[in-house]
C-alpha atoms as a PDB file:
ATOM      1  CA  UNK A   1      14.359  30.009 106.092  1.00  0.00           C
ATOM      2  CA  UNK A   2      11.129  31.903 105.607  1.00  0.00           C
ATOM      3  CA  UNK A   3       7.945  29.910 106.182  1.00  0.00           C
ATOM      4  CA  UNK A   4       4.692  31.066 104.648  1.00  0.00           C
ATOM      5  CA  UNK A   5       1.524  29.179 105.584  1.00  0.00           C
ATOM      6  CA  UNK A   6      -1.500  31.420 105.020  1.00  0.00           C
ATOM      7  CA  UNK A   7      -5.042  30.119 105.495  1.00  0.00           C
ATOM      8  CA  UNK A   8      -6.800  28.984 102.338  1.00  0.00           C
ATOM      9  CA  UNK A   9      -9.876  30.999 103.182  1.00  0.00           C
ATOM     10  CA  UNK A  10     -10.756  33.414 105.936  1.00  0.00           C
ATOM     11  CA  UNK A  11     -14.041  35.245 105.385  1.00  0.00           C
ATOM     12  CA  UNK A  12     -13.455  38.932 104.717  1.00  0.00           C
ATOM     13  CA  UNK A  13      -9.689  38.569 104.904  1.00  0.00           C
ATOM     14  CA  UNK A  14      -7.986  35.877 102.805  1.00  0.00           C
ATOM     15  CA  UNK A  15      -8.917  34.021  99.662  1.00  0.00           C
ATOM     16  CA  UNK A  16      -5.767  32.132  98.770  1.00  0.00           C
ATOM     17  CA  UNK A  17      -6.524  31.888  95.060  1.00  0.00           C
ATOM     18  CA  UNK A  18      -6.775  35.667  94.916  1.00  0.00           C
ATOM     19  CA  UNK A  19      -4.260  36.655  97.604  1.00  0.00           C
ATOM     20  CA  UNK A  20      -1.282  34.264  97.440  1.00  0.00           C
ATOM     21  CA  UNK A  21       0.199  36.305  94.570  1.00  0.00           C
ATOM     22  CA  UNK A  22       0.219  39.414  96.782  1.00  0.00           C
ATOM     23  CA  UNK A  23       1.917  37.510  99.584  1.00  0.00           C
ATOM     24  CA  UNK A  24       4.585  36.001  97.311  1.00  0.00           C
ATOM     25  CA  UNK A  25       5.307  39.375  95.723  1.00  0.00           C
ATOM     26  CA  UNK A  26       6.288  40.777  99.155  1.00  0.00           C
ATOM     27  CA  UNK A  27       8.556  37.911 100.252  1.00  0.00           C
ATOM     28  CA  UNK A  28      11.883  39.143  98.767  1.00  0.00           C
ATOM     29  CA  UNK A  29      11.982  42.055 101.213  1.00  0.00           C
ATOM     30  CA  UNK A  30      12.476  39.552 104.049  1.00  0.00           C
ATOM     31  CA  UNK A  31      15.025  37.244 102.386  1.00  0.00           C
ATOM     32  CA  UNK A  32      18.751  37.355 101.772  1.00  0.00           C
ATOM     33  CA  UNK A  33      20.364  35.752  98.747  1.00  0.00           C
ATOM     34  CA  UNK A  34      20.427  31.994  99.157  1.00  0.00           C
ATOM     35  CA  UNK A  35      17.589  31.950 101.691  1.00  0.00           C
ATOM     36  CA  UNK A  36      15.202  29.049 101.603  1.00  0.00           C
ATOM     37  CA  UNK A  37      11.484  29.608 101.310  1.00  0.00           C
ATOM     38  CA  UNK A  38       8.929  27.077 102.486  1.00  0.00           C
ATOM     39  CA  UNK A  39       5.457  27.696 101.060  1.00  0.00           C
ATOM     40  CA  UNK A  40       2.391  25.819 102.223  1.00  0.00           C
ATOM     41  CA  UNK A  41      -0.923  25.410 100.460  1.00  0.00           C
ATOM     42  CA  UNK A  42      -3.778  23.546 102.115  1.00  0.00           C
ATOM     43  CA  UNK A  43      -6.599  24.216  99.678  1.00  0.00           C
ATOM     44  CA  UNK A  44      -8.275  21.037  98.401  1.00  0.00           C
ATOM     45  CA  UNK A  45      -9.225  22.918  95.221  1.00  0.00           C
ATOM     46  CA  UNK A  46      -5.688  24.020  94.234  1.00  0.00           C
ATOM     47  CA  UNK A  47      -2.794  21.793  93.306  1.00  0.00           C
ATOM     48  CA  UNK A  48       0.973  22.051  93.578  1.00  0.00           C
ATOM     49  CA  UNK A  49       1.204  23.581  90.106  1.00  0.00           C
ATOM     50  CA  UNK A  50      -0.882  26.570  91.230  1.00  0.00           C
ATOM     51  CA  UNK A  51       1.776  27.434  93.789  1.00  0.00           C
ATOM     52  CA  UNK A  52       4.653  26.897  91.343  1.00  0.00           C
ATOM     53  CA  UNK A  53       2.942  29.138  88.790  1.00  0.00           C
ATOM     54  CA  UNK A  54       2.320  31.907  91.344  1.00  0.00           C
ATOM     55  CA  UNK A  55       5.976  31.867  92.411  1.00  0.00           C
ATOM     56  CA  UNK A  56       7.244  31.855  88.815  1.00  0.00           C
ATOM     57  CA  UNK A  57       5.123  34.899  88.014  1.00  0.00           C
ATOM     58  CA  UNK A  58       5.454  36.911  91.234  1.00  0.00           C
ATOM     59  CA  UNK A  59       8.960  36.021  92.437  1.00  0.00           C
ATOM     60  CA  UNK A  60      10.999  34.602  89.547  1.00  0.00           C
ATOM     61  CA  UNK A  61      14.157  34.767  91.698  1.00  0.00           C
ATOM     62  CA  UNK A  62      12.741  31.891  93.759  1.00  0.00           C
ATOM     63  CA  UNK A  63      13.783  28.555  92.305  1.00  0.00           C
ATOM     64  CA  UNK A  64      11.805  25.404  93.074  1.00  0.00           C
ATOM     65  CA  UNK A  65      13.858  22.815  94.964  1.00  0.00           C
ATOM     66  CA  UNK A  66      11.522  20.115  96.213  1.00  0.00           C
ATOM     67  CA  UNK A  67       8.158  19.127  97.604  1.00  0.00           C
ATOM     68  CA  UNK A  68       8.172  17.816 101.148  1.00  0.00           C
ATOM     69  CA  UNK A  69       6.207  14.588 101.385  1.00  0.00           C
ATOM     70  CA  UNK A  70       3.193  14.530 103.670  1.00  0.00           C
ATOM     71  CA  UNK A  71       2.988  12.049 106.531  1.00  0.00           C
ATOM     72  CA  UNK A  72       1.080   8.915 105.612  1.00  0.00           C
ATOM     73  CA  UNK A  73      -1.585   9.739 108.211  1.00  0.00           C
ATOM     74  CA  UNK A  74      -2.816  12.516 105.879  1.00  0.00           C
ATOM     75  CA  UNK A  75      -4.612  10.209 103.446  1.00  0.00           C
ATOM     76  CA  UNK A  76      -6.279  13.087 101.572  1.00  0.00           C
ATOM     77  CA  UNK A  77      -2.852  14.532 100.822  1.00  0.00           C
ATOM     78  CA  UNK A  78      -1.968  11.577  98.648  1.00  0.00           C
ATOM     79  CA  UNK A  79      -4.812  12.377  96.289  1.00  0.00           C
ATOM     80  CA  UNK A  80      -3.468  15.910  95.813  1.00  0.00           C
ATOM     81  CA  UNK A  81      -6.295  17.366  97.895  1.00  0.00           C
ATOM     82  CA  UNK A  82      -4.433  18.077 101.109  1.00  0.00           C
ATOM     83  CA  UNK A  83      -1.401  19.977 102.263  1.00  0.00           C
ATOM     84  CA  UNK A  84       1.244  20.917  99.704  1.00  0.00           C
ATOM     85  CA  UNK A  85       4.629  22.024 101.114  1.00  0.00           C
ATOM     86  CA  UNK A  86       7.162  23.305  98.584  1.00  0.00           C
ATOM     87  CA  UNK A  87      10.730  24.473  99.154  1.00  0.00           C
ATOM     88  CA  UNK A  88      12.315  27.203  97.015  1.00  0.00           C
ATOM     89  CA  UNK A  89      15.691  28.951  97.070  1.00  0.00           C
ATOM     90  CA  UNK A  90      15.926  32.705  96.683  1.00  0.00           C
ATOM     91  CA  UNK A  91      18.649  33.484  94.127  1.00  0.00           C
ATOM     92  CA  UNK A  92      18.416  37.128  92.976  1.00  0.00           C
END
């Protein structure tokens, strides 16, 4: 399993809306067929669909499997504003 949990924003380094595509594009070089991929997104401004769309465009061999539910203590997550954790399978 490959886990990818980049920061949403890091001044001068990472802007997730701009840079997640670049990260996803590079992932296949580290995965074998059938590997699982766990992608995290903690931006309050971007929803789950953003991540699904980025994967579909940049790594179409990754197939969405499921979203992992957030613990109930993360109240903001239930409004779609908090952490999004999605699992994909790599099937080239």
